[in-house]
Amino acid sequence: LMVRGEAPVDAAKAKEVFDTYIDAAAKMPALFPADSKTGGETTAAPAIWENTADFNAKFETWSKDVKAASATVKDLDSFKGAFGTATRAC
């Protein structure tokens, strides 16, 4: 609602939003262990295991970008920009 301007920008709620993305970025690499390449009706891209280091590094970069974006939130416009940064890598 905040990003659509339907609710006032609340710094604490905005921080919660960004903290959720940061938490997800930290957990994602563990969800793709080597033994999950096949089976279980996976639809994950094989490229994940072809270059695991790069895959994991992207989550680290995403986390850093979200942390930096979160620090910029002061009003609706800055929240929209920060939210765009946070969701761009999804």
C-alpha atoms as a PDB file:
ATOM      1  CA  LEU A   1       0.000   0.000   0.000  1.00  0.00           C
ATOM      2  CA  MET A   2       2.836   2.403   0.784  1.00  0.00           C
ATOM      3  CA  VAL A   3       4.417   2.024  -2.645  1.00  0.00           C
ATOM      4  CA  ARG A   4       1.084   2.849  -4.326  1.00  0.00           C
ATOM      5  CA  GLY A   5       0.648   5.904  -2.124  1.00  0.00           C
ATOM      6  CA  GLU A   6      -2.435   4.377  -0.485  1.00  0.00           C
ATOM      7  CA  ALA A   7      -0.869   4.470   2.970  1.00  0.00           C
ATOM      8  CA  PRO A   8       1.587   6.946   4.442  1.00  0.00           C
ATOM      9  CA  VAL A   9       5.230   5.932   4.336  1.00  0.00           C
ATOM     10  CA  ASP A  10       6.060   4.473   7.718  1.00  0.00           C
ATOM     11  CA  ALA A  11       9.825   4.158   8.239  1.00  0.00           C
ATOM     12  CA  ALA A  12       9.446   1.182  10.596  1.00  0.00           C
ATOM     13  CA  LYS A  13       7.210  -0.704   8.167  1.00  0.00           C
ATOM     14  CA  ALA A  14       9.517   0.147   5.280  1.00  0.00           C
ATOM     15  CA  LYS A  15      12.431  -1.272   7.263  1.00  0.00           C
ATOM     16  CA  GLU A  16      10.422  -4.471   7.840  1.00  0.00           C
ATOM     17  CA  VAL A  17       9.840  -4.780   4.090  1.00  0.00           C
ATOM     18  CA  PHE A  18      13.517  -4.436   3.315  1.00  0.00           C
ATOM     19  CA  ASP A  19      14.551  -6.690   6.202  1.00  0.00           C
ATOM     20  CA  THR A  20      12.333  -9.405   4.691  1.00  0.00           C
ATOM     21  CA  TYR A  21      14.261  -9.187   1.411  1.00  0.00           C
ATOM     22  CA  ILE A  22      17.606  -9.197   3.241  1.00  0.00           C
ATOM     23  CA  ASP A  23      16.549 -12.290   5.204  1.00  0.00           C
ATOM     24  CA  ALA A  24      15.454 -14.036   1.994  1.00  0.00           C
ATOM     25  CA  ALA A  25      18.770 -13.245   0.315  1.00  0.00           C
ATOM     26  CA  ALA A  26      20.620 -14.841   3.222  1.00  0.00           C
ATOM     27  CA  LYS A  27      18.502 -18.016   3.099  1.00  0.00           C
ATOM     28  CA  MET A  28      18.298 -18.585  -0.657  1.00  0.00           C
ATOM     29  CA  PRO A  29      21.683 -20.239  -1.304  1.00  0.00           C
ATOM     30  CA  ALA A  30      20.912 -22.964   1.241  1.00  0.00           C
ATOM     31  CA  LEU A  31      17.744 -23.845  -0.643  1.00  0.00           C
ATOM     32  CA  PHE A  32      19.769 -25.121  -3.597  1.00  0.00           C
ATOM     33  CA  PRO A  33      22.127 -27.824  -2.263  1.00  0.00           C
ATOM     34  CA  ALA A  34      24.057 -29.939  -4.776  1.00  0.00           C
ATOM     35  CA  ASP A  35      21.728 -32.897  -4.264  1.00  0.00           C
ATOM     36  CA  SER A  36      18.706 -30.868  -5.396  1.00  0.00           C
ATOM     37  CA  LYS A  37      19.765 -30.631  -9.050  1.00  0.00           C
ATOM     38  CA  THR A  38      17.207 -33.236 -10.026  1.00  0.00           C
ATOM     39  CA  GLY A  39      14.167 -34.948  -8.620  1.00  0.00           C
ATOM     40  CA  GLY A  40      11.280 -33.569  -6.659  1.00  0.00           C
ATOM     41  CA  GLU A  41       9.834 -32.143  -9.874  1.00  0.00           C
ATOM     42  CA  THR A  42      12.356 -29.300  -9.727  1.00  0.00           C
ATOM     43  CA  THR A  43      12.090 -26.545 -12.287  1.00  0.00           C
ATOM     44  CA  ALA A  44      15.241 -24.794 -11.076  1.00  0.00           C
ATOM     45  CA  ALA A  45      17.654 -23.768 -13.809  1.00  0.00           C
ATOM     46  CA  PRO A  46      20.682 -26.071 -14.231  1.00  0.00           C
ATOM     47  CA  ALA A  47      22.861 -22.925 -14.389  1.00  0.00           C
ATOM     48  CA  ILE A  48      22.500 -22.683 -10.602  1.00  0.00           C
ATOM     49  CA  TRP A  49      24.824 -25.677 -10.176  1.00  0.00           C
ATOM     50  CA  GLU A  50      27.029 -24.898 -13.166  1.00  0.00           C
ATOM     51  CA  ASN A  51      28.309 -21.785 -11.386  1.00  0.00           C
ATOM     52  CA  THR A  52      27.192 -21.965  -7.768  1.00  0.00           C
ATOM     53  CA  ALA A  53      29.658 -19.307  -6.639  1.00  0.00           C
ATOM     54  CA  ASP A  54      28.168 -16.775  -9.054  1.00  0.00           C
ATOM     55  CA  PHE A  55      24.626 -17.763  -8.054  1.00  0.00           C
ATOM     56  CA  ASN A  56      25.396 -17.246  -4.369  1.00  0.00           C
ATOM     57  CA  ALA A  57      27.284 -14.000  -5.046  1.00  0.00           C
ATOM     58  CA  LYS A  58      24.171 -12.559  -6.677  1.00  0.00           C
ATOM     59  CA  PHE A  59      22.289 -12.979  -3.404  1.00  0.00           C
ATOM     60  CA  GLU A  60      25.098 -11.247  -1.520  1.00  0.00           C
ATOM     61  CA  THR A  61      24.989  -8.352  -3.986  1.00  0.00           C
ATOM     62  CA  TRP A  62      21.199  -8.193  -3.743  1.00  0.00           C
ATOM     63  CA  SER A  63      21.388  -8.052   0.051  1.00  0.00           C
ATOM     64  CA  LYS A  64      23.914  -5.194  -0.069  1.00  0.00           C
ATOM     65  CA  ASP A  65      21.794  -3.303  -2.625  1.00  0.00           C
ATOM     66  CA  VAL A  66      18.662  -3.695  -0.496  1.00  0.00           C
ATOM     67  CA  LYS A  67      20.479  -2.521   2.643  1.00  0.00           C
ATOM     68  CA  ALA A  68      21.727   0.560   0.818  1.00  0.00           C
ATOM     69  CA  ALA A  69      18.302   1.272  -0.684  1.00  0.00           C
ATOM     70  CA  SER A  70      16.611   0.875   2.688  1.00  0.00           C
ATOM     71  CA  ALA A  71      18.812   3.604   4.149  1.00  0.00           C
ATOM     72  CA  THR A  72      17.476   6.109   1.592  1.00  0.00           C
ATOM     73  CA  VAL A  73      13.788   5.943   2.594  1.00  0.00           C
ATOM     74  CA  LYS A  74      12.476   9.282   3.783  1.00  0.00           C
ATOM     75  CA  ASP A  75       9.222   9.792   1.856  1.00  0.00           C
ATOM     76  CA  LEU A  76       7.008   8.214  -0.821  1.00  0.00           C
ATOM     77  CA  ASP A  77       9.331   8.977  -3.739  1.00  0.00           C
ATOM     78  CA  SER A  78      12.408   7.619  -1.998  1.00  0.00           C
ATOM     79  CA  PHE A  79      10.447   4.542  -0.874  1.00  0.00           C
ATOM     80  CA  LYS A  80       9.346   3.864  -4.450  1.00  0.00           C
ATOM     81  CA  GLY A  81      12.931   4.128  -5.668  1.00  0.00           C
ATOM     82  CA  ALA A  82      14.252   1.922  -2.895  1.00  0.00           C
ATOM     83  CA  PHE A  83      11.499  -0.630  -3.408  1.00  0.00           C
ATOM     84  CA  GLY A  84      12.282  -0.723  -7.123  1.00  0.00           C
ATOM     85  CA  THR A  85      15.909  -1.483  -6.295  1.00  0.00           C
ATOM     86  CA  ALA A  86      14.888  -4.231  -3.883  1.00  0.00           C
ATOM     87  CA  THR A  87      12.582  -5.967  -6.343  1.00  0.00           C
ATOM     88  CA  ARG A  88      14.641  -5.473  -9.513  1.00  0.00           C
ATOM     89  CA  ALA A  89      16.861  -8.506  -8.813  1.00  0.00           C
ATOM     90  CA  CYS A  90      13.946 -10.813  -8.086  1.00  0.00           C
END
